[in-house]
Amino acid sequence: VVRDAATGDLRVVDVTPQNEADILVHDAHNASPTTAFALSRLADPDTLHHTPIGVFRSADRPVYDTLMSDQLDEAVERQGEGDLSALLTGNDTWTVAG
């Protein structure tokens, strides 16, 4: 598999001494999902001879809810628990004018 310089698409080629340096070496642990996504789109629907299978991406990253929970905890540490009732009955208001 090589990346087409003009389009950025991947395509299957036979390895030759002339193109050996251009052959794509995939790293499933790469932080960027670009190559993994491109490989997932590479398919030969007629014969399935050139359809990649396996692990395309294996990146260790925190999940969204963990990051959100951490962000909320940090805000409470900096600004306190907050008081919804005081917020709703307070005098810090604004008007949307059309």
C-alpha atoms as a PDB file:
ATOM      1  CA  VAL A   1       0.000   0.000   0.000  1.00  0.00           C
ATOM      2  CA  VAL A   2       1.272   3.459  -0.911  1.00  0.00           C
ATOM      3  CA  ARG A   3      -0.176   6.932  -0.434  1.00  0.00           C
ATOM      4  CA  ASP A   4      -0.937   8.702  -3.711  1.00  0.00           C
ATOM      5  CA  ALA A   5       1.021  11.980  -3.664  1.00  0.00           C
ATOM      6  CA  ALA A   6      -1.624  13.820  -5.700  1.00  0.00           C
ATOM      7  CA  THR A   7      -4.774  12.787  -3.821  1.00  0.00           C
ATOM      8  CA  GLY A   8      -3.551  11.433  -0.476  1.00  0.00           C
ATOM      9  CA  ASP A   9      -5.557   8.249  -1.082  1.00  0.00           C
ATOM     10  CA  LEU A  10      -4.102   4.827  -0.413  1.00  0.00           C
ATOM     11  CA  ARG A  11      -3.714   2.298  -3.193  1.00  0.00           C
ATOM     12  CA  VAL A  12      -2.437  -1.243  -3.459  1.00  0.00           C
ATOM     13  CA  VAL A  13       0.731  -1.756  -5.499  1.00  0.00           C
ATOM     14  CA  ASP A  14       3.145  -4.582  -6.156  1.00  0.00           C
ATOM     15  CA  VAL A  15       6.435  -4.034  -4.321  1.00  0.00           C
ATOM     16  CA  THR A  16       9.340  -3.288  -6.633  1.00  0.00           C
ATOM     17  CA  PRO A  17      12.848  -1.972  -5.983  1.00  0.00           C
ATOM     18  CA  GLN A  18      11.667   1.369  -7.407  1.00  0.00           C
ATOM     19  CA  ASN A  19       8.740   1.834  -4.972  1.00  0.00           C
ATOM     20  CA  GLU A  20       9.998  -0.043  -1.912  1.00  0.00           C
ATOM     21  CA  ALA A  21      10.760   3.190  -0.023  1.00  0.00           C
ATOM     22  CA  ASP A  22       7.202   4.438  -0.675  1.00  0.00           C
ATOM     23  CA  ILE A  23       5.473   1.449   0.953  1.00  0.00           C
ATOM     24  CA  LEU A  24       3.315   2.569   3.881  1.00  0.00           C
ATOM     25  CA  VAL A  25       4.262   1.188   7.284  1.00  0.00           C
ATOM     26  CA  HIS A  26       1.223   1.423   9.553  1.00  0.00           C
ATOM     27  CA  ASP A  27       1.542   2.212  13.270  1.00  0.00           C
ATOM     28  CA  ALA A  28      -1.705   1.382  15.102  1.00  0.00           C
ATOM     29  CA  HIS A  29      -0.476   3.366  18.128  1.00  0.00           C
ATOM     30  CA  ASN A  30      -0.077   6.645  16.228  1.00  0.00           C
ATOM     31  CA  ALA A  31      -2.000   9.477  17.939  1.00  0.00           C
ATOM     32  CA  SER A  32      -3.441  10.646  14.606  1.00  0.00           C
ATOM     33  CA  PRO A  33      -6.330   8.529  13.261  1.00  0.00           C
ATOM     34  CA  THR A  34      -5.687   9.583   9.644  1.00  0.00           C
ATOM     35  CA  THR A  35      -3.866   6.498   8.356  1.00  0.00           C
ATOM     36  CA  ALA A  36      -6.078   4.085  10.305  1.00  0.00           C
ATOM     37  CA  PHE A  37      -9.172   5.675   8.762  1.00  0.00           C
ATOM     38  CA  ALA A  38      -7.648   5.562   5.280  1.00  0.00           C
ATOM     39  CA  LEU A  39      -6.845   1.862   5.722  1.00  0.00           C
ATOM     40  CA  SER A  40     -10.404   1.167   6.872  1.00  0.00           C
ATOM     41  CA  ARG A  41     -11.672   2.685   3.609  1.00  0.00           C
ATOM     42  CA  LEU A  42      -9.318   0.600   1.453  1.00  0.00           C
ATOM     43  CA  ALA A  43     -11.304  -2.307   0.057  1.00  0.00           C
ATOM     44  CA  ASP A  44     -11.571  -4.461  -3.007  1.00  0.00           C
ATOM     45  CA  PRO A  45     -15.291  -5.315  -3.014  1.00  0.00           C
ATOM     46  CA  ASP A  46     -15.105  -7.604  -6.041  1.00  0.00           C
ATOM     47  CA  THR A  47     -12.493 -10.091  -4.856  1.00  0.00           C
ATOM     48  CA  LEU A  48     -11.606  -9.051  -1.276  1.00  0.00           C
ATOM     49  CA  HIS A  49      -7.973  -9.873  -2.122  1.00  0.00           C
ATOM     50  CA  HIS A  50      -6.754  -6.469  -0.931  1.00  0.00           C
ATOM     51  CA  THR A  51      -9.018  -5.794   2.034  1.00  0.00           C
ATOM     52  CA  PRO A  52      -7.077  -4.976   5.207  1.00  0.00           C
ATOM     53  CA  ILE A  53      -8.165  -6.647   8.428  1.00  0.00           C
ATOM     54  CA  GLY A  54      -6.877  -6.410  11.966  1.00  0.00           C
ATOM     55  CA  VAL A  55      -6.280  -3.640  14.472  1.00  0.00           C
ATOM     56  CA  PHE A  56      -6.215  -0.299  12.679  1.00  0.00           C
ATOM     57  CA  ARG A  57      -5.961   1.893  15.768  1.00  0.00           C
ATOM     58  CA  SER A  58      -4.981   1.239  19.355  1.00  0.00           C
ATOM     59  CA  ALA A  59      -4.381   4.604  21.025  1.00  0.00           C
ATOM     60  CA  ASP A  60      -4.355   5.005  24.803  1.00  0.00           C
ATOM     61  CA  ARG A  61      -6.388   8.098  25.586  1.00  0.00           C
ATOM     62  CA  PRO A  62      -8.774   9.044  28.388  1.00  0.00           C
ATOM     63  CA  VAL A  63     -12.447   8.664  27.577  1.00  0.00           C
ATOM     64  CA  TYR A  64     -14.696  11.729  27.275  1.00  0.00           C
ATOM     65  CA  ASP A  65     -16.616  11.252  30.523  1.00  0.00           C
ATOM     66  CA  THR A  66     -13.372  10.974  32.514  1.00  0.00           C
ATOM     67  CA  LEU A  67     -12.074  14.243  31.059  1.00  0.00           C
ATOM     68  CA  MET A  68     -15.419  15.960  31.685  1.00  0.00           C
ATOM     69  CA  SER A  69     -15.541  14.733  35.284  1.00  0.00           C
ATOM     70  CA  ASP A  70     -11.989  15.964  35.875  1.00  0.00           C
ATOM     71  CA  GLN A  71     -12.884  19.360  34.407  1.00  0.00           C
ATOM     72  CA  LEU A  72     -15.924  19.678  36.699  1.00  0.00           C
ATOM     73  CA  ASP A  73     -13.864  18.685  39.747  1.00  0.00           C
ATOM     74  CA  GLU A  74     -11.255  21.334  38.908  1.00  0.00           C
ATOM     75  CA  ALA A  75     -13.957  24.010  38.539  1.00  0.00           C
ATOM     76  CA  VAL A  76     -15.435  23.119  41.942  1.00  0.00           C
ATOM     77  CA  GLU A  77     -11.963  23.292  43.510  1.00  0.00           C
ATOM     78  CA  ARG A  78     -11.349  26.752  42.033  1.00  0.00           C
ATOM     79  CA  GLN A  79     -14.795  28.319  42.438  1.00  0.00           C
ATOM     80  CA  GLY A  80     -16.647  26.234  45.026  1.00  0.00           C
ATOM     81  CA  GLU A  81     -19.807  24.158  44.710  1.00  0.00           C
ATOM     82  CA  GLY A  82     -21.957  26.956  43.346  1.00  0.00           C
ATOM     83  CA  ASP A  83     -25.591  27.711  44.205  1.00  0.00           C
ATOM     84  CA  LEU A  84     -28.183  27.258  41.460  1.00  0.00           C
ATOM     85  CA  SER A  85     -30.891  29.033  43.484  1.00  0.00           C
ATOM     86  CA  ALA A  86     -28.683  32.087  43.963  1.00  0.00           C
ATOM     87  CA  LEU A  87     -27.858  32.076  40.275  1.00  0.00           C
ATOM     88  CA  LEU A  88     -31.529  31.968  39.234  1.00  0.00           C
ATOM     89  CA  THR A  89     -32.670  34.645  41.707  1.00  0.00           C
ATOM     90  CA  GLY A  90     -29.638  36.899  41.316  1.00  0.00           C
ATOM     91  CA  ASN A  91     -29.534  40.262  39.578  1.00  0.00           C
ATOM     92  CA  ASP A  92     -26.837  39.447  37.020  1.00  0.00           C
ATOM     93  CA  THR A  93     -29.157  39.320  33.997  1.00  0.00           C
ATOM     94  CA  TRP A  94     -29.071  40.329  30.368  1.00  0.00           C
ATOM     95  CA  THR A  95     -31.601  40.952  27.623  1.00  0.00           C
ATOM     96  CA  VAL A  96     -31.530  39.713  24.047  1.00  0.00           C
ATOM     97  CA  ALA A  97     -32.719  42.478  21.761  1.00  0.00           C
ATOM     98  CA  GLY A  98     -33.782  41.746  18.201  1.00  0.00           C
END
